[in-house]
């Protein structure tokens, strides 16, 4: 991969440069000291991946990410010195297009290998995501008449990735405190940030947002999100559990894995929703949900930060409705109202 580094710290830039060039499959394309320089470089030499700092002079990483994703879209990985201290900025950056986040590697002997390996692992993951087969042909997506209003025992399952935090806030802010359904969200996000995401969402929406405790059940009028680098699955007894299997699934946690386990084991109604994100995760699981007689929705292209996951749902015909982001929340409310 051709990689650009955006960081105002000379030491951090040098650490990142060493890690990039230590991998023969990667090439350092350019470095920039602030977001404005990064935009200029992208206009002339667009990289396969940008390692973007958050706090910089002239233009910070959030504004740079926003402009790059509009003008010259490419994958962006946030690299920040303080993972927990900058959580609100991280979610804002992910809301405008950043794929993931990782702590800036350090040179301390007892931490150097693990922090560098974590960065390399994230780069490899993004490399696989950006290598998605683009030759897939669109299948006929016939319009399916909306089902009647869905009654009680409904679980709304939402899958999201790039741009997900802001999209989730938009959708879930439409649901009232007494919303008569349970909500489970699978957001592609490092385990280090999921508790911060729950706290951030709790400031944006009326429904309480809680981290899933292994073995508990979905809860009406509550949004639950996993905090794991493994998968979230629904067991045969209707509990939410963390699982390392399937180990060969690229996404952790995987929307497909959760949707498919939910379809197999949840006894009530399901509404499956795919929001903005890179890759194809969730489309197969959403198709299973649809073919089992449940309702499915995907975000449209115009309002998606990255039209990857919703596009895959459109291409395989798994989305019964394709809606702008701002219409998804009201549609969910209409489907489950008493």
C-alpha atoms as a PDB file:
ATOM      1  CA  UNK A   1       0.000   0.000   0.000  1.00  0.00           C
ATOM      2  CA  UNK A   2       1.085   3.589  -0.676  1.00  0.00           C
ATOM      3  CA  UNK A   3       0.750   5.419   2.636  1.00  0.00           C
ATOM      4  CA  UNK A   4       0.653   9.094   3.617  1.00  0.00           C
ATOM      5  CA  UNK A   5       1.477  10.268   7.153  1.00  0.00           C
ATOM      6  CA  UNK A   6      -0.102  13.415   8.612  1.00  0.00           C
ATOM      7  CA  UNK A   7       1.373  14.451  11.951  1.00  0.00           C
ATOM      8  CA  UNK A   8       2.888  17.661  13.346  1.00  0.00           C
ATOM      9  CA  UNK A   9       5.236  15.764  15.669  1.00  0.00           C
ATOM     10  CA  UNK A  10       8.631  15.032  14.117  1.00  0.00           C
ATOM     11  CA  UNK A  11       9.171  12.103  16.487  1.00  0.00           C
ATOM     12  CA  UNK A  12       5.734  10.565  15.831  1.00  0.00           C
ATOM     13  CA  UNK A  13       6.221  10.949  12.087  1.00  0.00           C
ATOM     14  CA  UNK A  14       9.596   9.213  12.276  1.00  0.00           C
ATOM     15  CA  UNK A  15       8.158   6.327  14.310  1.00  0.00           C
ATOM     16  CA  UNK A  16       5.332   5.870  11.811  1.00  0.00           C
ATOM     17  CA  UNK A  17       7.771   6.121   8.892  1.00  0.00           C
ATOM     18  CA  UNK A  18       9.965   3.363  10.346  1.00  0.00           C
ATOM     19  CA  UNK A  19       6.999   1.078  10.846  1.00  0.00           C
ATOM     20  CA  UNK A  20       5.692   1.644   7.325  1.00  0.00           C
ATOM     21  CA  UNK A  21       9.027   1.053   5.580  1.00  0.00           C
ATOM     22  CA  UNK A  22       9.710  -2.016   7.734  1.00  0.00           C
ATOM     23  CA  UNK A  23       6.972  -3.804   5.779  1.00  0.00           C
ATOM     24  CA  UNK A  24       8.072  -4.506   2.187  1.00  0.00           C
ATOM     25  CA  UNK A  25       4.475  -4.496   0.959  1.00  0.00           C
ATOM     26  CA  UNK A  26       4.059  -0.845   2.016  1.00  0.00           C
ATOM     27  CA  UNK A  27       5.571   2.348   0.632  1.00  0.00           C
ATOM     28  CA  UNK A  28       5.717   5.797   2.235  1.00  0.00           C
ATOM     29  CA  UNK A  29       4.268   8.154  -0.374  1.00  0.00           C
ATOM     30  CA  UNK A  30       4.501  11.455   1.511  1.00  0.00           C
ATOM     31  CA  UNK A  31       4.350  13.139   4.912  1.00  0.00           C
ATOM     32  CA  UNK A  32       2.457  16.261   5.979  1.00  0.00           C
ATOM     33  CA  UNK A  33       2.619  18.420   9.107  1.00  0.00           C
ATOM     34  CA  UNK A  34      -1.074  19.391   9.120  1.00  0.00           C
ATOM     35  CA  UNK A  35      -4.394  18.709   7.462  1.00  0.00           C
ATOM     36  CA  UNK A  36      -4.039  21.474   4.869  1.00  0.00           C
ATOM     37  CA  UNK A  37      -0.783  19.960   3.590  1.00  0.00           C
ATOM     38  CA  UNK A  38      -2.434  16.543   3.480  1.00  0.00           C
ATOM     39  CA  UNK A  39      -5.255  17.859   1.280  1.00  0.00           C
ATOM     40  CA  UNK A  40      -2.700  19.371  -1.093  1.00  0.00           C
ATOM     41  CA  UNK A  41      -0.765  16.094  -1.293  1.00  0.00           C
ATOM     42  CA  UNK A  42      -3.967  14.109  -1.928  1.00  0.00           C
ATOM     43  CA  UNK A  43      -4.789  16.334  -4.897  1.00  0.00           C
ATOM     44  CA  UNK A  44      -1.495  15.371  -6.542  1.00  0.00           C
ATOM     45  CA  UNK A  45      -0.623  11.930  -5.152  1.00  0.00           C
ATOM     46  CA  UNK A  46      -3.573  10.070  -3.684  1.00  0.00           C
ATOM     47  CA  UNK A  47      -2.385   7.333  -1.287  1.00  0.00           C
ATOM     48  CA  UNK A  48      -3.989   3.985  -0.581  1.00  0.00           C
ATOM     49  CA  UNK A  49      -4.133   4.915   3.109  1.00  0.00           C
ATOM     50  CA  UNK A  50      -3.591   7.981   5.287  1.00  0.00           C
ATOM     51  CA  UNK A  51      -2.330   7.765   8.879  1.00  0.00           C
ATOM     52  CA  UNK A  52      -4.016  10.886  10.289  1.00  0.00           C
ATOM     53  CA  UNK A  53      -3.254  12.652  13.568  1.00  0.00           C
ATOM     54  CA  UNK A  54      -6.122  14.513  15.277  1.00  0.00           C
ATOM     55  CA  UNK A  55      -4.713  17.677  16.896  1.00  0.00           C
ATOM     56  CA  UNK A  56      -2.531  19.722  14.543  1.00  0.00           C
ATOM     57  CA  UNK A  57      -1.990  23.414  13.754  1.00  0.00           C
ATOM     58  CA  UNK A  58      -3.506  25.091  10.679  1.00  0.00           C
ATOM     59  CA  UNK A  59      -6.062  22.292  10.161  1.00  0.00           C
ATOM     60  CA  UNK A  60      -6.863  19.417  12.507  1.00  0.00           C
ATOM     61  CA  UNK A  61      -7.439  15.799  11.536  1.00  0.00           C
ATOM     62  CA  UNK A  62     -11.234  15.993  11.707  1.00  0.00           C
ATOM     63  CA  UNK A  63     -11.543  18.833   9.197  1.00  0.00           C
ATOM     64  CA  UNK A  64      -8.854  17.273   6.989  1.00  0.00           C
ATOM     65  CA  UNK A  65     -10.713  13.944   7.003  1.00  0.00           C
ATOM     66  CA  UNK A  66     -13.975  15.693   6.135  1.00  0.00           C
ATOM     67  CA  UNK A  67     -12.468  17.531   3.175  1.00  0.00           C
ATOM     68  CA  UNK A  68     -10.455  14.600   1.854  1.00  0.00           C
ATOM     69  CA  UNK A  69     -13.501  12.302   1.928  1.00  0.00           C
ATOM     70  CA  UNK A  70     -15.431  14.881  -0.099  1.00  0.00           C
ATOM     71  CA  UNK A  71     -12.722  15.881  -2.567  1.00  0.00           C
ATOM     72  CA  UNK A  72     -10.407  12.868  -2.988  1.00  0.00           C
ATOM     73  CA  UNK A  73     -11.841   9.953  -0.969  1.00  0.00           C
ATOM     74  CA  UNK A  74      -9.377   7.401   0.364  1.00  0.00           C
ATOM     75  CA  UNK A  75      -9.078   5.236   3.498  1.00  0.00           C
ATOM     76  CA  UNK A  76      -8.041   7.147   6.634  1.00  0.00           C
ATOM     77  CA  UNK A  77      -6.771   5.601   9.867  1.00  0.00           C
ATOM     78  CA  UNK A  78      -6.679   7.932  12.870  1.00  0.00           C
ATOM     79  CA  UNK A  79      -3.399   7.689  14.814  1.00  0.00           C
ATOM     80  CA  UNK A  80      -3.645   9.564  18.101  1.00  0.00           C
ATOM     81  CA  UNK A  81      -1.401   9.908  21.123  1.00  0.00           C
ATOM     82  CA  UNK A  82      -4.291   9.635  23.583  1.00  0.00           C
ATOM     83  CA  UNK A  83      -6.884   7.006  22.712  1.00  0.00           C
ATOM     84  CA  UNK A  84      -9.218   7.631  25.648  1.00  0.00           C
ATOM     85  CA  UNK A  85      -8.557  11.334  26.059  1.00  0.00           C
ATOM     86  CA  UNK A  86      -9.533  12.110  22.461  1.00  0.00           C
ATOM     87  CA  UNK A  87     -12.565   9.825  22.224  1.00  0.00           C
ATOM     88  CA  UNK A  88     -15.036  12.574  21.272  1.00  0.00           C
ATOM     89  CA  UNK A  89     -12.734  13.715  18.466  1.00  0.00           C
ATOM     90  CA  UNK A  90     -12.271  10.112  17.368  1.00  0.00           C
ATOM     91  CA  UNK A  91     -16.037   9.593  16.985  1.00  0.00           C
ATOM     92  CA  UNK A  92     -16.344  12.872  15.106  1.00  0.00           C
ATOM     93  CA  UNK A  93     -13.552  11.845  12.737  1.00  0.00           C
ATOM     94  CA  UNK A  94     -15.169   8.437  12.192  1.00  0.00           C
ATOM     95  CA  UNK A  95     -18.441  10.207  11.553  1.00  0.00           C
ATOM     96  CA  UNK A  96     -16.944  12.083   8.615  1.00  0.00           C
ATOM     97  CA  UNK A  97     -15.146   9.116   7.101  1.00  0.00           C
ATOM     98  CA  UNK A  98     -12.215   7.769   9.120  1.00  0.00           C
ATOM     99  CA  UNK A  99     -12.183   3.969   9.110  1.00  0.00           C
ATOM    100  CA  UNK A 100     -10.615   3.178  12.457  1.00  0.00           C
ATOM    101  CA  UNK A 101      -8.299   4.458  15.164  1.00  0.00           C
ATOM    102  CA  UNK A 102      -5.075   3.295  16.783  1.00  0.00           C
ATOM    103  CA  UNK A 103      -2.777   4.717  19.448  1.00  0.00           C
ATOM    104  CA  UNK A 104       0.443   6.308  18.240  1.00  0.00           C
ATOM    105  CA  UNK A 105       3.215   3.702  18.630  1.00  0.00           C
ATOM    106  CA  UNK A 106       5.925   4.462  21.185  1.00  0.00           C
ATOM    107  CA  UNK A 107       9.628   3.736  21.354  1.00  0.00           C
ATOM    108  CA  UNK A 108       9.656   2.404  24.931  1.00  0.00           C
ATOM    109  CA  UNK A 109      11.317  -1.058  24.809  1.00  0.00           C
ATOM    110  CA  UNK A 110       8.503  -2.847  26.624  1.00  0.00           C
ATOM    111  CA  UNK A 111       5.773  -1.331  24.431  1.00  0.00           C
ATOM    112  CA  UNK A 112       7.354  -0.803  21.026  1.00  0.00           C
ATOM    113  CA  UNK A 113       6.675  -4.225  19.546  1.00  0.00           C
ATOM    114  CA  UNK A 114       3.029  -4.456  20.653  1.00  0.00           C
ATOM    115  CA  UNK A 115       2.102  -0.909  19.629  1.00  0.00           C
ATOM    116  CA  UNK A 116       3.821  -1.247  16.259  1.00  0.00           C
ATOM    117  CA  UNK A 117       2.189  -4.623  15.662  1.00  0.00           C
ATOM    118  CA  UNK A 118      -1.219  -3.136  16.430  1.00  0.00           C
ATOM    119  CA  UNK A 119      -0.686  -0.429  13.814  1.00  0.00           C
ATOM    120  CA  UNK A 120       0.502  -2.978  11.237  1.00  0.00           C
ATOM    121  CA  UNK A 121      -2.526  -5.149  11.996  1.00  0.00           C
ATOM    122  CA  UNK A 122      -4.875  -2.212  11.416  1.00  0.00           C
ATOM    123  CA  UNK A 123      -3.134  -1.350   8.144  1.00  0.00           C
ATOM    124  CA  UNK A 124      -3.474  -4.955   6.962  1.00  0.00           C
ATOM    125  CA  UNK A 125      -7.177  -4.981   7.843  1.00  0.00           C
ATOM    126  CA  UNK A 126      -7.787  -1.800   5.872  1.00  0.00           C
ATOM    127  CA  UNK A 127      -5.775  -3.224   2.973  1.00  0.00           C
ATOM    128  CA  UNK A 128      -8.129  -6.180   2.825  1.00  0.00           C
ATOM    129  CA  UNK A 129     -11.167  -3.931   3.073  1.00  0.00           C
ATOM    130  CA  UNK A 130     -10.028  -1.786   0.170  1.00  0.00           C
ATOM    131  CA  UNK A 131      -9.363  -4.895  -1.921  1.00  0.00           C
ATOM    132  CA  UNK A 132     -13.076  -5.745  -2.110  1.00  0.00           C
ATOM    133  CA  UNK A 133     -14.065  -7.302  -5.430  1.00  0.00           C
ATOM    134  CA  UNK A 134     -15.649  -4.525  -7.458  1.00  0.00           C
ATOM    135  CA  UNK A 135     -16.744  -6.775 -10.310  1.00  0.00           C
ATOM    136  CA  UNK A 136     -19.854  -7.984  -8.555  1.00  0.00           C
ATOM    137  CA  UNK A 137     -22.868  -7.423 -10.764  1.00  0.00           C
ATOM    138  CA  UNK A 138     -26.074  -5.974  -9.484  1.00  0.00           C
ATOM    139  CA  UNK A 139     -28.912  -8.409  -8.961  1.00  0.00           C
ATOM    140  CA  UNK A 140     -32.474  -7.457  -9.641  1.00  0.00           C
ATOM    141  CA  UNK A 141     -33.751  -5.714  -6.537  1.00  0.00           C
ATOM    142  CA  UNK A 142     -37.495  -5.951  -6.790  1.00  0.00           C
ATOM    143  CA  UNK A 143     -39.524  -3.673  -4.590  1.00  0.00           C
ATOM    144  CA  UNK A 144     -41.107  -5.616  -1.765  1.00  0.00           C
ATOM    145  CA  UNK A 145     -44.334  -4.189  -0.364  1.00  0.00           C
ATOM    146  CA  UNK A 146     -43.873  -3.076   3.252  1.00  0.00           C
ATOM    147  CA  UNK A 147     -45.097  -5.541   5.841  1.00  0.00           C
ATOM    148  CA  UNK A 148     -47.790  -4.562   8.263  1.00  0.00           C
ATOM    149  CA  UNK A 149     -46.714  -2.721  11.385  1.00  0.00           C
ATOM    150  CA  UNK A 150     -44.468  -5.035  13.365  1.00  0.00           C
ATOM    151  CA  UNK A 151     -45.805  -5.817  16.815  1.00  0.00           C
ATOM    152  CA  UNK A 152     -44.123  -6.613  20.120  1.00  0.00           C
ATOM    153  CA  UNK A 153     -41.090  -8.885  20.645  1.00  0.00           C
ATOM    154  CA  UNK A 154     -39.234  -6.923  17.986  1.00  0.00           C
ATOM    155  CA  UNK A 155     -35.468  -6.630  17.901  1.00  0.00           C
ATOM    156  CA  UNK A 156     -33.837  -4.006  15.706  1.00  0.00           C
ATOM    157  CA  UNK A 157     -30.367  -5.133  14.600  1.00  0.00           C
ATOM    158  CA  UNK A 158     -28.121  -2.421  13.147  1.00  0.00           C
ATOM    159  CA  UNK A 159     -24.774  -2.917  11.431  1.00  0.00           C
ATOM    160  CA  UNK A 160     -22.415  -0.011  10.709  1.00  0.00           C
ATOM    161  CA  UNK A 161     -18.786   0.788   9.991  1.00  0.00           C
ATOM    162  CA  UNK A 162     -17.201   3.897   8.448  1.00  0.00           C
ATOM    163  CA  UNK A 163     -19.282   6.946   9.392  1.00  0.00           C
ATOM    164  CA  UNK A 164     -21.269   4.790  11.785  1.00  0.00           C
ATOM    165  CA  UNK A 165     -21.164   6.823  15.033  1.00  0.00           C
ATOM    166  CA  UNK A 166     -22.799   9.905  13.514  1.00  0.00           C
ATOM    167  CA  UNK A 167     -25.217   7.773  11.490  1.00  0.00           C
ATOM    168  CA  UNK A 168     -26.230   5.858  14.603  1.00  0.00           C
ATOM    169  CA  UNK A 169     -26.824   9.098  16.498  1.00  0.00           C
ATOM    170  CA  UNK A 170     -29.042  10.366  13.672  1.00  0.00           C
ATOM    171  CA  UNK A 171     -31.131   7.186  13.498  1.00  0.00           C
ATOM    172  CA  UNK A 172     -31.421   6.500  17.212  1.00  0.00           C
ATOM    173  CA  UNK A 173     -32.199  10.107  18.142  1.00  0.00           C
ATOM    174  CA  UNK A 174     -35.593   9.618  16.461  1.00  0.00           C
ATOM    175  CA  UNK A 175     -36.591   6.871  18.897  1.00  0.00           C
ATOM    176  CA  UNK A 176     -38.362   7.912  22.143  1.00  0.00           C
ATOM    177  CA  UNK A 177     -37.495   6.775  25.644  1.00  0.00           C
ATOM    178  CA  UNK A 178     -40.466   4.370  25.660  1.00  0.00           C
ATOM    179  CA  UNK A 179     -39.609   2.816  22.277  1.00  0.00           C
ATOM    180  CA  UNK A 180     -41.343  -0.611  22.336  1.00  0.00           C
ATOM    181  CA  UNK A 181     -38.480  -2.670  20.891  1.00  0.00           C
ATOM    182  CA  UNK A 182     -34.933  -3.666  21.768  1.00  0.00           C
ATOM    183  CA  UNK A 183     -31.976  -2.439  19.724  1.00  0.00           C
ATOM    184  CA  UNK A 184     -28.609  -4.153  19.239  1.00  0.00           C
ATOM    185  CA  UNK A 185     -25.853  -2.394  17.297  1.00  0.00           C
ATOM    186  CA  UNK A 186     -22.729  -3.948  15.766  1.00  0.00           C
ATOM    187  CA  UNK A 187     -20.312  -1.144  14.908  1.00  0.00           C
ATOM    188  CA  UNK A 188     -16.879  -1.971  13.474  1.00  0.00           C
ATOM    189  CA  UNK A 189     -14.750  -0.415  16.200  1.00  0.00           C
ATOM    190  CA  UNK A 190     -11.781  -1.321  18.338  1.00  0.00           C
ATOM    191  CA  UNK A 191     -12.750  -2.624  21.770  1.00  0.00           C
ATOM    192  CA  UNK A 192     -10.841   0.258  23.384  1.00  0.00           C
ATOM    193  CA  UNK A 193     -13.404   2.734  22.069  1.00  0.00           C
ATOM    194  CA  UNK A 194     -16.758   1.009  22.473  1.00  0.00           C
ATOM    195  CA  UNK A 195     -17.343   2.154  26.043  1.00  0.00           C
ATOM    196  CA  UNK A 196     -16.582   5.687  24.877  1.00  0.00           C
ATOM    197  CA  UNK A 197     -19.041   5.236  22.013  1.00  0.00           C
ATOM    198  CA  UNK A 198     -21.748   4.205  24.477  1.00  0.00           C
ATOM    199  CA  UNK A 199     -21.042   7.275  26.618  1.00  0.00           C
ATOM    200  CA  UNK A 200     -21.061   9.522  23.559  1.00  0.00           C
ATOM    201  CA  UNK A 201     -24.344   8.112  22.239  1.00  0.00           C
ATOM    202  CA  UNK A 202     -25.926   8.517  25.660  1.00  0.00           C
ATOM    203  CA  UNK A 203     -25.349  12.255  25.257  1.00  0.00           C
ATOM    204  CA  UNK A 204     -26.974  12.273  21.812  1.00  0.00           C
ATOM    205  CA  UNK A 205     -30.137  10.181  22.166  1.00  0.00           C
ATOM    206  CA  UNK A 206     -33.018   9.524  24.590  1.00  0.00           C
ATOM    207  CA  UNK A 207     -32.750   5.740  24.760  1.00  0.00           C
ATOM    208  CA  UNK A 208     -30.172   4.387  27.229  1.00  0.00           C
ATOM    209  CA  UNK A 209     -27.097   2.855  25.573  1.00  0.00           C
ATOM    210  CA  UNK A 210     -25.387  -0.001  27.415  1.00  0.00           C
ATOM    211  CA  UNK A 211     -22.394  -2.254  26.807  1.00  0.00           C
ATOM    212  CA  UNK A 212     -23.422  -5.908  26.414  1.00  0.00           C
ATOM    213  CA  UNK A 213     -22.488  -8.207  29.272  1.00  0.00           C
ATOM    214  CA  UNK A 214     -21.838 -11.749  28.083  1.00  0.00           C
ATOM    215  CA  UNK A 215     -24.940 -13.915  28.569  1.00  0.00           C
ATOM    216  CA  UNK A 216     -27.530 -11.166  28.964  1.00  0.00           C
ATOM    217  CA  UNK A 217     -30.648 -10.698  26.840  1.00  0.00           C
ATOM    218  CA  UNK A 218     -31.777  -7.840  24.609  1.00  0.00           C
ATOM    219  CA  UNK A 219     -33.795  -5.291  26.556  1.00  0.00           C
ATOM    220  CA  UNK A 220     -36.827  -3.337  25.401  1.00  0.00           C
ATOM    221  CA  UNK A 221     -36.346   0.450  25.138  1.00  0.00           C
ATOM    222  CA  UNK A 222     -32.567  -0.005  25.342  1.00  0.00           C
ATOM    223  CA  UNK A 223     -29.708   0.146  22.849  1.00  0.00           C
ATOM    224  CA  UNK A 224     -26.978  -2.432  23.461  1.00  0.00           C
ATOM    225  CA  UNK A 225     -23.570  -2.525  21.803  1.00  0.00           C
ATOM    226  CA  UNK A 226     -20.807  -5.147  22.106  1.00  0.00           C
ATOM    227  CA  UNK A 227     -17.425  -4.347  23.571  1.00  0.00           C
ATOM    228  CA  UNK A 228     -15.276  -7.026  22.037  1.00  0.00           C
ATOM    229  CA  UNK A 229     -12.722  -7.793  19.371  1.00  0.00           C
ATOM    230  CA  UNK A 230     -14.511 -11.143  18.964  1.00  0.00           C
ATOM    231  CA  UNK A 231     -17.960 -11.726  17.470  1.00  0.00           C
ATOM    232  CA  UNK A 232     -21.337 -11.039  19.004  1.00  0.00           C
ATOM    233  CA  UNK A 233     -23.800 -13.894  18.577  1.00  0.00           C
ATOM    234  CA  UNK A 234     -27.275 -14.753  19.768  1.00  0.00           C
ATOM    235  CA  UNK A 235     -27.469 -18.175  21.403  1.00  0.00           C
ATOM    236  CA  UNK A 236     -30.246 -20.730  21.062  1.00  0.00           C
ATOM    237  CA  UNK A 237     -31.565 -19.580  24.443  1.00  0.00           C
ATOM    238  CA  UNK A 238     -31.851 -15.969  23.267  1.00  0.00           C
ATOM    239  CA  UNK A 239     -28.833 -14.589  25.115  1.00  0.00           C
ATOM    240  CA  UNK A 240     -26.153 -12.311  23.690  1.00  0.00           C
ATOM    241  CA  UNK A 241     -22.719 -13.909  23.827  1.00  0.00           C
ATOM    242  CA  UNK A 242     -19.172 -13.183  22.719  1.00  0.00           C
ATOM    243  CA  UNK A 243     -17.469 -15.809  20.548  1.00  0.00           C
ATOM    244  CA  UNK A 244     -14.093 -16.230  18.855  1.00  0.00           C
ATOM    245  CA  UNK A 245     -15.777 -18.384  16.205  1.00  0.00           C
ATOM    246  CA  UNK A 246     -15.841 -18.222  13.275  1.00  0.00           C
ATOM    247  CA  UNK A 247     -12.133 -17.458  13.461  1.00  0.00           C
ATOM    248  CA  UNK A 248     -11.774 -17.163   9.689  1.00  0.00           C
ATOM    249  CA  UNK A 249     -14.255 -14.271   9.439  1.00  0.00           C
ATOM    250  CA  UNK A 250     -12.347 -11.114   8.582  1.00  0.00           C
ATOM    251  CA  UNK A 251     -14.546  -8.672  10.497  1.00  0.00           C
ATOM    252  CA  UNK A 252     -14.434  -8.616  14.302  1.00  0.00           C
ATOM    253  CA  UNK A 253     -17.129  -8.179  15.400  1.00  0.00           C
ATOM    254  CA  UNK A 254     -18.919  -9.231  12.223  1.00  0.00           C
ATOM    255  CA  UNK A 255     -22.362  -7.926  11.314  1.00  0.00           C
ATOM    256  CA  UNK A 256     -22.964 -11.047   9.188  1.00  0.00           C
ATOM    257  CA  UNK A 257     -22.152 -13.375  12.079  1.00  0.00           C
ATOM    258  CA  UNK A 258     -24.531 -11.562  14.420  1.00  0.00           C
ATOM    259  CA  UNK A 259     -27.337 -11.215  11.859  1.00  0.00           C
ATOM    260  CA  UNK A 260     -27.151 -14.907  10.947  1.00  0.00           C
ATOM    261  CA  UNK A 261     -27.169 -16.053  14.572  1.00  0.00           C
ATOM    262  CA  UNK A 262     -30.038 -13.685  15.295  1.00  0.00           C
ATOM    263  CA  UNK A 263     -32.024 -15.006  12.348  1.00  0.00           C
ATOM    264  CA  UNK A 264     -31.497 -18.581  13.541  1.00  0.00           C
ATOM    265  CA  UNK A 265     -32.233 -18.089  17.233  1.00  0.00           C
ATOM    266  CA  UNK A 266     -34.430 -15.036  17.913  1.00  0.00           C
ATOM    267  CA  UNK A 267     -38.066 -16.027  18.385  1.00  0.00           C
ATOM    268  CA  UNK A 268     -39.602 -12.598  17.820  1.00  0.00           C
ATOM    269  CA  UNK A 269     -39.648 -10.201  14.889  1.00  0.00           C
ATOM    270  CA  UNK A 270     -36.456  -8.714  13.467  1.00  0.00           C
ATOM    271  CA  UNK A 271     -35.782  -5.482  11.636  1.00  0.00           C
ATOM    272  CA  UNK A 272     -32.329  -5.558  10.063  1.00  0.00           C
ATOM    273  CA  UNK A 273     -30.601  -2.283   9.192  1.00  0.00           C
ATOM    274  CA  UNK A 274     -27.331  -1.684   7.332  1.00  0.00           C
ATOM    275  CA  UNK A 275     -25.759   1.754   7.622  1.00  0.00           C
ATOM    276  CA  UNK A 276     -22.721   3.411   6.060  1.00  0.00           C
ATOM    277  CA  UNK A 277     -19.477   1.445   5.944  1.00  0.00           C
ATOM    278  CA  UNK A 278     -16.666   0.087   3.809  1.00  0.00           C
ATOM    279  CA  UNK A 279     -16.741  -3.527   2.633  1.00  0.00           C
ATOM    280  CA  UNK A 280     -19.566  -6.048   2.354  1.00  0.00           C
ATOM    281  CA  UNK A 281     -20.127  -7.147   5.939  1.00  0.00           C
ATOM    282  CA  UNK A 282     -23.798  -7.551   6.807  1.00  0.00           C
ATOM    283  CA  UNK A 283     -25.247  -8.112   3.334  1.00  0.00           C
ATOM    284  CA  UNK A 284     -25.397 -11.921   3.610  1.00  0.00           C
ATOM    285  CA  UNK A 285     -26.866 -11.793   7.088  1.00  0.00           C
ATOM    286  CA  UNK A 286     -29.406  -9.185   6.008  1.00  0.00           C
ATOM    287  CA  UNK A 287     -30.456 -11.458   3.135  1.00  0.00           C
ATOM    288  CA  UNK A 288     -31.018 -14.311   5.591  1.00  0.00           C
ATOM    289  CA  UNK A 289     -33.187 -12.040   7.701  1.00  0.00           C
ATOM    290  CA  UNK A 290     -35.228 -10.948   4.684  1.00  0.00           C
ATOM    291  CA  UNK A 291     -35.684 -14.488   3.367  1.00  0.00           C
ATOM    292  CA  UNK A 292     -36.964 -15.548   6.771  1.00  0.00           C
ATOM    293  CA  UNK A 293     -39.826 -13.067   6.444  1.00  0.00           C
ATOM    294  CA  UNK A 294     -38.428 -10.166   8.450  1.00  0.00           C
ATOM    295  CA  UNK A 295     -38.011  -6.532   7.433  1.00  0.00           C
ATOM    296  CA  UNK A 296     -34.770  -5.046   6.096  1.00  0.00           C
ATOM    297  CA  UNK A 297     -33.496  -1.523   5.446  1.00  0.00           C
ATOM    298  CA  UNK A 298     -30.268  -0.121   3.989  1.00  0.00           C
ATOM    299  CA  UNK A 299     -28.984   3.450   3.924  1.00  0.00           C
ATOM    300  CA  UNK A 300     -28.901   5.127   0.515  1.00  0.00           C
ATOM    301  CA  UNK A 301     -25.774   6.157  -1.360  1.00  0.00           C
ATOM    302  CA  UNK A 302     -26.228   9.917  -1.126  1.00  0.00           C
ATOM    303  CA  UNK A 303     -26.257  10.016   2.679  1.00  0.00           C
ATOM    304  CA  UNK A 304     -23.626   7.300   3.250  1.00  0.00           C
ATOM    305  CA  UNK A 305     -20.109   8.405   4.163  1.00  0.00           C
ATOM    306  CA  UNK A 306     -18.911   5.227   2.419  1.00  0.00           C
ATOM    307  CA  UNK A 307     -21.388   3.326   0.240  1.00  0.00           C
ATOM    308  CA  UNK A 308     -19.869  -0.122   0.703  1.00  0.00           C
ATOM    309  CA  UNK A 309     -21.955  -2.177   3.130  1.00  0.00           C
ATOM    310  CA  UNK A 310     -25.283  -0.629   2.034  1.00  0.00           C
ATOM    311  CA  UNK A 311     -24.308  -1.084  -1.615  1.00  0.00           C
ATOM    312  CA  UNK A 312     -23.583  -4.774  -1.008  1.00  0.00           C
ATOM    313  CA  UNK A 313     -27.062  -5.070   0.524  1.00  0.00           C
ATOM    314  CA  UNK A 314     -28.533  -3.413  -2.537  1.00  0.00           C
ATOM    315  CA  UNK A 315     -26.597  -5.619  -4.941  1.00  0.00           C
ATOM    316  CA  UNK A 316     -27.652  -8.913  -3.351  1.00  0.00           C
ATOM    317  CA  UNK A 317     -31.267  -7.803  -3.035  1.00  0.00           C
ATOM    318  CA  UNK A 318     -31.351  -8.054   0.755  1.00  0.00           C
ATOM    319  CA  UNK A 319     -32.678  -4.546   1.412  1.00  0.00           C
ATOM    320  CA  UNK A 320     -36.430  -4.180   1.122  1.00  0.00           C
ATOM    321  CA  UNK A 321     -36.133  -0.432   1.529  1.00  0.00           C
ATOM    322  CA  UNK A 322     -33.225   1.851   0.673  1.00  0.00           C
ATOM    323  CA  UNK A 323     -33.687   5.090   2.585  1.00  0.00           C
ATOM    324  CA  UNK A 324     -31.849   8.353   3.252  1.00  0.00           C
ATOM    325  CA  UNK A 325     -30.301   8.369   6.712  1.00  0.00           C
ATOM    326  CA  UNK A 326     -32.766  10.889   8.133  1.00  0.00           C
ATOM    327  CA  UNK A 327     -35.727   8.704   7.117  1.00  0.00           C
ATOM    328  CA  UNK A 328     -34.548   5.474   8.758  1.00  0.00           C
ATOM    329  CA  UNK A 329     -35.346   6.463  12.345  1.00  0.00           C
ATOM    330  CA  UNK A 330     -38.917   7.601  11.584  1.00  0.00           C
ATOM    331  CA  UNK A 331     -39.431   4.411   9.538  1.00  0.00           C
ATOM    332  CA  UNK A 332     -38.359   2.253  12.480  1.00  0.00           C
ATOM    333  CA  UNK A 333     -40.702   4.189  14.735  1.00  0.00           C
ATOM    334  CA  UNK A 334     -43.586   3.633  12.309  1.00  0.00           C
ATOM    335  CA  UNK A 335     -42.851  -0.101  12.024  1.00  0.00           C
ATOM    336  CA  UNK A 336     -42.894  -0.813  15.745  1.00  0.00           C
ATOM    337  CA  UNK A 337     -45.392   1.683  17.099  1.00  0.00           C
ATOM    338  CA  UNK A 338     -48.114   0.034  19.257  1.00  0.00           C
END
